[in-house]
Amino acid sequence: MGDRKVVLFNKWRMASAFAVLLTAASAVIGPHAAAQSCAAVDLVVARGTQEPGYLGNFVGDPLYVALRAALPVSVVAYPVNYPANPTDPSSVGTGSADLVAHVADQAVACPDEEFILVGYSLGAGVVHAALGTGIVAGLPGVVQLPGDLVDRVAVVLLFGDPLRLIGWSVPDQYLDRTADFCAAGDPVCGGGTDPEAHAHYSDFIGAAVGFSAARF
């Protein structure tokens, strides 16, 4: 019985790690995102798999509250509109299209606005796709930020990132503004053996706020 549990867990871990790649492979472009009011900072969040909440209960919502309290500038937030379902082949493509459309719209409407891009779990795959990370950039349906918007991205925050487990990081031009958080024991981003660790990313909100605040 013990050996069977290990085999099943290993299969689950591999499935979680590669979910982003598999769903992106047949992704489609989603609807155009609508612009919103201007602020100094726009927090754009791709939530985790079926995560409840406006921006996501585990990461996005508490991060937004903390950033608004910590940053000396105005902050608005936008939830990336995508299925957040690893079994839906449109998930990552739809998410990257919506993220890019939103950033492009806001960049035109608000010339001084900068962006913090946040991805948790499957949402980290959406952010990777939008940034053009490794193999994800070449998969069908993925939409990548155009070059003229690269400098508008001030911070990238990744939590429980499945691509980290298989050795991928963000493209070089984003490395110095990216923080990639992986909880001890998390099987999705670190190959650990504690599935519950994947839901404990509120513990990293303070570090994420500190990383972001240093850039404003």
C-alpha atoms as a PDB file:
ATOM      1  CA  MET A   1       0.000   0.000   0.000  1.00  0.00           C
ATOM      2  CA  GLY A   2       2.861   2.369   0.842  1.00  0.00           C
ATOM      3  CA  ASP A   3       4.509   1.815  -2.552  1.00  0.00           C
ATOM      4  CA  ARG A   4       1.175   2.429  -4.289  1.00  0.00           C
ATOM      5  CA  LYS A   5       0.770   5.781  -2.489  1.00  0.00           C
ATOM      6  CA  VAL A   6       4.264   6.843  -3.561  1.00  0.00           C
ATOM      7  CA  VAL A   7       3.527   5.960  -7.193  1.00  0.00           C
ATOM      8  CA  LEU A   8       0.223   7.828  -7.129  1.00  0.00           C
ATOM      9  CA  PHE A   9       1.826  10.874  -5.525  1.00  0.00           C
ATOM     10  CA  ASN A  10       4.643  10.904  -8.081  1.00  0.00           C
ATOM     11  CA  LYS A  11       2.091  10.782 -10.892  1.00  0.00           C
ATOM     12  CA  TRP A  12       0.175  13.671  -9.305  1.00  0.00           C
ATOM     13  CA  ARG A  13       3.368  15.705  -8.912  1.00  0.00           C
ATOM     14  CA  MET A  14       4.370  15.226 -12.536  1.00  0.00           C
ATOM     15  CA  ALA A  15       0.872  16.072 -13.727  1.00  0.00           C
ATOM     16  CA  SER A  16       0.874  19.278 -11.699  1.00  0.00           C
ATOM     17  CA  ALA A  17       4.302  20.325 -12.926  1.00  0.00           C
ATOM     18  CA  PHE A  18       3.440  19.862 -16.581  1.00  0.00           C
ATOM     19  CA  ALA A  19      -0.154  21.138 -16.433  1.00  0.00           C
ATOM     20  CA  VAL A  20       0.869  24.547 -17.738  1.00  0.00           C
ATOM     21  CA  LEU A  21       2.588  23.104 -20.787  1.00  0.00           C
ATOM     22  CA  LEU A  22      -0.200  20.685 -21.609  1.00  0.00           C
ATOM     23  CA  THR A  23      -2.984  23.236 -21.365  1.00  0.00           C
ATOM     24  CA  ALA A  24      -1.069  25.857 -23.321  1.00  0.00           C
ATOM     25  CA  ALA A  25      -0.455  23.482 -26.192  1.00  0.00           C
ATOM     26  CA  SER A  26      -3.964  23.939 -27.595  1.00  0.00           C
ATOM     27  CA  ALA A  27      -4.856  27.327 -26.101  1.00  0.00           C
ATOM     28  CA  VAL A  28      -7.049  29.892 -27.828  1.00  0.00           C
ATOM     29  CA  ILE A  29      -7.112  33.676 -27.625  1.00  0.00           C
ATOM     30  CA  GLY A  30      -9.648  35.076 -25.172  1.00  0.00           C
ATOM     31  CA  PRO A  31     -11.737  38.277 -25.183  1.00  0.00           C
ATOM     32  CA  HIS A  32     -10.121  41.698 -25.114  1.00  0.00           C
ATOM     33  CA  ALA A  33      -9.676  43.109 -21.611  1.00  0.00           C
ATOM     34  CA  ALA A  34     -11.348  46.377 -20.712  1.00  0.00           C
ATOM     35  CA  ALA A  35      -9.335  49.360 -19.476  1.00  0.00           C
ATOM     36  CA  GLN A  36      -9.892  50.755 -15.992  1.00  0.00           C
ATOM     37  CA  SER A  37      -9.038  53.954 -14.101  1.00  0.00           C
ATOM     38  CA  CYS A  38      -5.434  55.136 -13.936  1.00  0.00           C
ATOM     39  CA  ALA A  39      -3.112  54.724 -10.966  1.00  0.00           C
ATOM     40  CA  ALA A  40       0.636  54.687 -10.429  1.00  0.00           C
ATOM     41  CA  VAL A  41       0.635  50.879 -10.153  1.00  0.00           C
ATOM     42  CA  ASP A  42      -1.648  48.261 -11.683  1.00  0.00           C
ATOM     43  CA  LEU A  43      -1.522  44.876  -9.924  1.00  0.00           C
ATOM     44  CA  VAL A  44      -2.431  42.259 -12.537  1.00  0.00           C
ATOM     45  CA  VAL A  45      -3.094  38.849 -10.986  1.00  0.00           C
ATOM     46  CA  ALA A  46      -3.563  35.426 -12.575  1.00  0.00           C
ATOM     47  CA  ARG A  47      -5.074  33.272  -9.833  1.00  0.00           C
ATOM     48  CA  GLY A  48      -4.389  29.617  -9.173  1.00  0.00           C
ATOM     49  CA  THR A  49      -6.465  26.623 -10.244  1.00  0.00           C
ATOM     50  CA  GLN A  50     -10.136  27.266  -9.419  1.00  0.00           C
ATOM     51  CA  GLU A  51      -9.010  29.678  -6.693  1.00  0.00           C
ATOM     52  CA  PRO A  52     -11.929  31.657  -5.195  1.00  0.00           C
ATOM     53  CA  GLY A  53     -11.849  35.380  -4.476  1.00  0.00           C
ATOM     54  CA  TYR A  54     -11.612  38.506  -6.614  1.00  0.00           C
ATOM     55  CA  LEU A  55      -7.871  38.261  -7.217  1.00  0.00           C
ATOM     56  CA  GLY A  56      -7.549  34.917  -5.417  1.00  0.00           C
ATOM     57  CA  ASN A  57      -7.938  34.175  -1.712  1.00  0.00           C
ATOM     58  CA  PHE A  58      -4.501  32.618  -1.240  1.00  0.00           C
ATOM     59  CA  VAL A  59      -2.307  35.250  -2.909  1.00  0.00           C
ATOM     60  CA  GLY A  60      -3.929  38.036  -4.909  1.00  0.00           C
ATOM     61  CA  ASP A  61      -6.431  39.450  -2.417  1.00  0.00           C
ATOM     62  CA  PRO A  62      -4.084  39.638   0.603  1.00  0.00           C
ATOM     63  CA  LEU A  63      -1.260  40.903  -1.605  1.00  0.00           C
ATOM     64  CA  TYR A  64      -3.423  43.746  -2.920  1.00  0.00           C
ATOM     65  CA  VAL A  65      -4.375  44.836   0.604  1.00  0.00           C
ATOM     66  CA  ALA A  66      -0.754  44.732   1.742  1.00  0.00           C
ATOM     67  CA  LEU A  67       0.582  46.614  -1.275  1.00  0.00           C
ATOM     68  CA  ARG A  68      -1.988  49.387  -0.928  1.00  0.00           C
ATOM     69  CA  ALA A  69      -0.895  49.848   2.676  1.00  0.00           C
ATOM     70  CA  ALA A  70       2.840  49.703   1.955  1.00  0.00           C
ATOM     71  CA  LEU A  71       3.416  51.557  -1.311  1.00  0.00           C
ATOM     72  CA  PRO A  72       3.612  55.370  -1.295  1.00  0.00           C
ATOM     73  CA  VAL A  73       1.686  55.513  -4.588  1.00  0.00           C
ATOM     74  CA  SER A  74      -1.821  54.628  -5.775  1.00  0.00           C
ATOM     75  CA  VAL A  75      -2.537  50.979  -6.614  1.00  0.00           C
ATOM     76  CA  VAL A  76      -5.380  49.401  -8.591  1.00  0.00           C
ATOM     77  CA  ALA A  77      -5.860  45.723  -9.343  1.00  0.00           C
ATOM     78  CA  TYR A  78      -7.069  43.563 -12.205  1.00  0.00           C
ATOM     79  CA  PRO A  79      -7.997  39.840 -12.100  1.00  0.00           C
ATOM     80  CA  VAL A  80      -6.898  38.051 -15.256  1.00  0.00           C
ATOM     81  CA  ASN A  81      -9.993  36.563 -16.863  1.00  0.00           C
ATOM     82  CA  TYR A  82      -9.285  32.924 -17.666  1.00  0.00           C
ATOM     83  CA  PRO A  83     -10.718  29.496 -16.768  1.00  0.00           C
ATOM     84  CA  ALA A  84      -7.972  28.656 -14.221  1.00  0.00           C
ATOM     85  CA  ASN A  85      -8.576  25.007 -14.963  1.00  0.00           C
ATOM     86  CA  PRO A  86      -5.656  22.711 -15.906  1.00  0.00           C
ATOM     87  CA  THR A  87      -8.018  20.329 -17.713  1.00  0.00           C
ATOM     88  CA  ASP A  88      -9.317  23.135 -19.951  1.00  0.00           C
ATOM     89  CA  PRO A  89      -7.058  23.376 -23.023  1.00  0.00           C
ATOM     90  CA  SER A  90      -7.897  27.072 -23.400  1.00  0.00           C
ATOM     91  CA  SER A  91      -6.738  28.108 -19.927  1.00  0.00           C
ATOM     92  CA  VAL A  92      -3.180  29.375 -20.369  1.00  0.00           C
ATOM     93  CA  GLY A  93      -3.724  30.829 -23.832  1.00  0.00           C
ATOM     94  CA  THR A  94      -6.863  32.635 -22.745  1.00  0.00           C
ATOM     95  CA  GLY A  95      -5.098  33.955 -19.661  1.00  0.00           C
ATOM     96  CA  SER A  96      -2.061  35.246 -21.512  1.00  0.00           C
ATOM     97  CA  ALA A  97      -4.280  36.934 -24.123  1.00  0.00           C
ATOM     98  CA  ASP A  98      -6.374  38.657 -21.465  1.00  0.00           C
ATOM     99  CA  LEU A  99      -3.321  39.745 -19.472  1.00  0.00           C
ATOM    100  CA  VAL A 100      -1.569  41.205 -22.512  1.00  0.00           C
ATOM    101  CA  ALA A 101      -4.732  42.925 -23.756  1.00  0.00           C
ATOM    102  CA  HIS A 102      -5.297  44.528 -20.373  1.00  0.00           C
ATOM    103  CA  VAL A 103      -1.706  45.759 -20.049  1.00  0.00           C
ATOM    104  CA  ALA A 104      -1.740  47.101 -23.613  1.00  0.00           C
ATOM    105  CA  ASP A 105      -5.010  48.971 -23.045  1.00  0.00           C
ATOM    106  CA  GLN A 106      -3.857  50.439 -19.752  1.00  0.00           C
ATOM    107  CA  ALA A 107      -0.471  51.422 -21.143  1.00  0.00           C
ATOM    108  CA  VAL A 108      -2.209  53.568 -23.758  1.00  0.00           C
ATOM    109  CA  ALA A 109      -4.867  54.985 -21.447  1.00  0.00           C
ATOM    110  CA  CYS A 110      -2.430  55.656 -18.586  1.00  0.00           C
ATOM    111  CA  PRO A 111       1.035  56.554 -19.940  1.00  0.00           C
ATOM    112  CA  ASP A 112       2.624  56.800 -16.479  1.00  0.00           C
ATOM    113  CA  GLU A 113       1.193  53.572 -15.064  1.00  0.00           C
ATOM    114  CA  GLU A 114       3.516  50.665 -14.225  1.00  0.00           C
ATOM    115  CA  PHE A 115       2.569  47.031 -13.748  1.00  0.00           C
ATOM    116  CA  ILE A 116       3.132  44.328 -11.169  1.00  0.00           C
ATOM    117  CA  LEU A 117       2.380  40.948 -12.753  1.00  0.00           C
ATOM    118  CA  VAL A 118       1.442  38.172 -10.349  1.00  0.00           C
ATOM    119  CA  GLY A 119       0.885  34.485 -11.013  1.00  0.00           C
ATOM    120  CA  TYR A 120       0.037  31.759  -8.523  1.00  0.00           C
ATOM    121  CA  SER A 121       0.256  28.063  -9.467  1.00  0.00           C
ATOM    122  CA  LEU A 122      -1.409  27.699 -12.888  1.00  0.00           C
ATOM    123  CA  GLY A 123      -1.519  31.494 -12.973  1.00  0.00           C
ATOM    124  CA  ALA A 124       2.275  31.534 -12.879  1.00  0.00           C
ATOM    125  CA  GLY A 125       2.140  29.684 -16.194  1.00  0.00           C
ATOM    126  CA  VAL A 126      -0.087  32.434 -17.575  1.00  0.00           C
ATOM    127  CA  VAL A 127       2.453  35.083 -16.560  1.00  0.00           C
ATOM    128  CA  HIS A 128       5.301  33.025 -18.036  1.00  0.00           C
ATOM    129  CA  ALA A 129       3.388  32.756 -21.303  1.00  0.00           C
ATOM    130  CA  ALA A 130       2.800  36.500 -21.447  1.00  0.00           C
ATOM    131  CA  LEU A 131       6.494  37.184 -20.769  1.00  0.00           C
ATOM    132  CA  GLY A 132       7.718  34.693 -23.365  1.00  0.00           C
ATOM    133  CA  THR A 133       9.370  32.135 -21.113  1.00  0.00           C
ATOM    134  CA  GLY A 134      11.238  29.287 -22.792  1.00  0.00           C
ATOM    135  CA  ILE A 135       9.197  26.591 -24.447  1.00  0.00           C
ATOM    136  CA  VAL A 136       5.888  28.195 -23.405  1.00  0.00           C
ATOM    137  CA  ALA A 137       6.449  31.129 -25.760  1.00  0.00           C
ATOM    138  CA  GLY A 138       6.288  28.904 -28.837  1.00  0.00           C
ATOM    139  CA  LEU A 139       3.127  26.989 -27.994  1.00  0.00           C
ATOM    140  CA  PRO A 140      -0.116  27.620 -29.957  1.00  0.00           C
ATOM    141  CA  GLY A 141      -2.455  30.285 -28.672  1.00  0.00           C
ATOM    142  CA  VAL A 142      -0.023  32.002 -26.311  1.00  0.00           C
ATOM    143  CA  VAL A 143       0.065  35.802 -26.532  1.00  0.00           C
ATOM    144  CA  GLN A 144       3.267  37.591 -25.517  1.00  0.00           C
ATOM    145  CA  LEU A 145       3.778  41.170 -24.357  1.00  0.00           C
ATOM    146  CA  PRO A 146       5.187  43.290 -27.188  1.00  0.00           C
ATOM    147  CA  GLY A 147       8.676  44.667 -26.750  1.00  0.00           C
ATOM    148  CA  ASP A 148       7.547  48.242 -26.199  1.00  0.00           C
ATOM    149  CA  LEU A 149       5.754  47.196 -23.002  1.00  0.00           C
ATOM    150  CA  VAL A 150       8.670  45.349 -21.389  1.00  0.00           C
ATOM    151  CA  ASP A 151       9.853  48.423 -19.486  1.00  0.00           C
ATOM    152  CA  ARG A 152       6.354  49.097 -18.154  1.00  0.00           C
ATOM    153  CA  VAL A 153       6.531  45.874 -16.113  1.00  0.00           C
ATOM    154  CA  ALA A 154       8.112  46.965 -12.841  1.00  0.00           C
ATOM    155  CA  VAL A 155       7.780  43.711 -10.873  1.00  0.00           C
ATOM    156  CA  VAL A 156       6.952  40.056 -11.535  1.00  0.00           C
ATOM    157  CA  LEU A 157       5.844  37.903  -8.589  1.00  0.00           C
ATOM    158  CA  LEU A 158       5.472  34.136  -8.983  1.00  0.00           C
ATOM    159  CA  PHE A 159       4.106  31.804  -6.299  1.00  0.00           C
ATOM    160  CA  GLY A 160       4.132  28.001  -6.460  1.00  0.00           C
ATOM    161  CA  ASP A 161       5.364  28.131 -10.059  1.00  0.00           C
ATOM    162  CA  PRO A 162       5.147  24.735 -11.872  1.00  0.00           C
ATOM    163  CA  LEU A 163       7.726  25.761 -14.491  1.00  0.00           C
ATOM    164  CA  ARG A 164      10.302  26.276 -11.751  1.00  0.00           C
ATOM    165  CA  LEU A 165      10.182  22.524 -11.040  1.00  0.00           C
ATOM    166  CA  ILE A 166      11.224  21.701 -14.605  1.00  0.00           C
ATOM    167  CA  GLY A 167      13.988  24.301 -14.743  1.00  0.00           C
ATOM    168  CA  TRP A 168      12.412  27.275 -16.509  1.00  0.00           C
ATOM    169  CA  SER A 169      12.696  30.879 -15.389  1.00  0.00           C
ATOM    170  CA  VAL A 170      11.478  34.165 -16.840  1.00  0.00           C
ATOM    171  CA  PRO A 171      13.358  35.664 -19.818  1.00  0.00           C
ATOM    172  CA  ASP A 172      16.607  37.466 -18.997  1.00  0.00           C
ATOM    173  CA  GLN A 173      15.176  40.974 -19.351  1.00  0.00           C
ATOM    174  CA  TYR A 174      12.781  40.287 -16.434  1.00  0.00           C
ATOM    175  CA  LEU A 175      15.143  38.452 -14.077  1.00  0.00           C
ATOM    176  CA  ASP A 176      16.217  41.432 -11.979  1.00  0.00           C
ATOM    177  CA  ARG A 177      12.589  42.396 -11.287  1.00  0.00           C
ATOM    178  CA  THR A 178      11.232  38.908 -10.589  1.00  0.00           C
ATOM    179  CA  ALA A 179      10.709  37.160  -7.255  1.00  0.00           C
ATOM    180  CA  ASP A 180       9.823  33.466  -7.456  1.00  0.00           C
ATOM    181  CA  PHE A 181       8.469  32.023  -4.189  1.00  0.00           C
ATOM    182  CA  CYS A 182       8.319  28.261  -3.529  1.00  0.00           C
ATOM    183  CA  ALA A 183       7.167  26.996  -0.137  1.00  0.00           C
ATOM    184  CA  ALA A 184       9.164  24.264   1.593  1.00  0.00           C
ATOM    185  CA  GLY A 185       7.640  20.896   0.752  1.00  0.00           C
ATOM    186  CA  ASP A 186       5.569  22.182  -2.176  1.00  0.00           C
ATOM    187  CA  PRO A 187       5.473  19.384  -4.790  1.00  0.00           C
ATOM    188  CA  VAL A 188       4.318  21.707  -7.594  1.00  0.00           C
ATOM    189  CA  CYS A 189       7.290  24.075  -7.666  1.00  0.00           C
ATOM    190  CA  GLY A 190       9.927  22.270  -5.599  1.00  0.00           C
ATOM    191  CA  GLY A 191       9.315  18.544  -5.906  1.00  0.00           C
ATOM    192  CA  GLY A 192       8.437  18.254  -2.208  1.00  0.00           C
ATOM    193  CA  THR A 193       6.131  15.776  -0.538  1.00  0.00           C
ATOM    194  CA  ASP A 194       3.610  18.048   1.174  1.00  0.00           C
ATOM    195  CA  PRO A 195       0.670  18.950  -1.099  1.00  0.00           C
ATOM    196  CA  GLU A 196      -0.769  21.247   1.591  1.00  0.00           C
ATOM    197  CA  ALA A 197       2.302  23.481   1.289  1.00  0.00           C
ATOM    198  CA  HIS A 198       0.994  24.621  -2.083  1.00  0.00           C
ATOM    199  CA  ALA A 199      -1.807  26.503  -0.306  1.00  0.00           C
ATOM    200  CA  HIS A 200       0.433  28.351   2.165  1.00  0.00           C
ATOM    201  CA  TYR A 201       1.576  31.304   0.076  1.00  0.00           C
ATOM    202  CA  SER A 202       0.055  33.932   2.353  1.00  0.00           C
ATOM    203  CA  ASP A 203       3.258  33.367   4.349  1.00  0.00           C
ATOM    204  CA  PHE A 204       5.199  35.055   1.508  1.00  0.00           C
ATOM    205  CA  ILE A 205       3.083  38.188   1.190  1.00  0.00           C
ATOM    206  CA  GLY A 206       5.435  40.254   3.354  1.00  0.00           C
ATOM    207  CA  ALA A 207       8.475  39.260   1.293  1.00  0.00           C
ATOM    208  CA  ALA A 208       6.615  40.001  -1.941  1.00  0.00           C
ATOM    209  CA  VAL A 209       5.582  43.445  -0.688  1.00  0.00           C
ATOM    210  CA  GLY A 210       9.146  44.218   0.394  1.00  0.00           C
ATOM    211  CA  PHE A 211      10.508  43.165  -2.986  1.00  0.00           C
ATOM    212  CA  SER A 212       7.938  45.320  -4.765  1.00  0.00           C
ATOM    213  CA  ALA A 213       8.297  48.351  -2.507  1.00  0.00           C
ATOM    214  CA  ALA A 214      12.025  48.534  -3.232  1.00  0.00           C
ATOM    215  CA  ARG A 215      11.163  49.296  -6.867  1.00  0.00           C
ATOM    216  CA  PHE A 216       8.839  52.243  -6.248  1.00  0.00           C
END
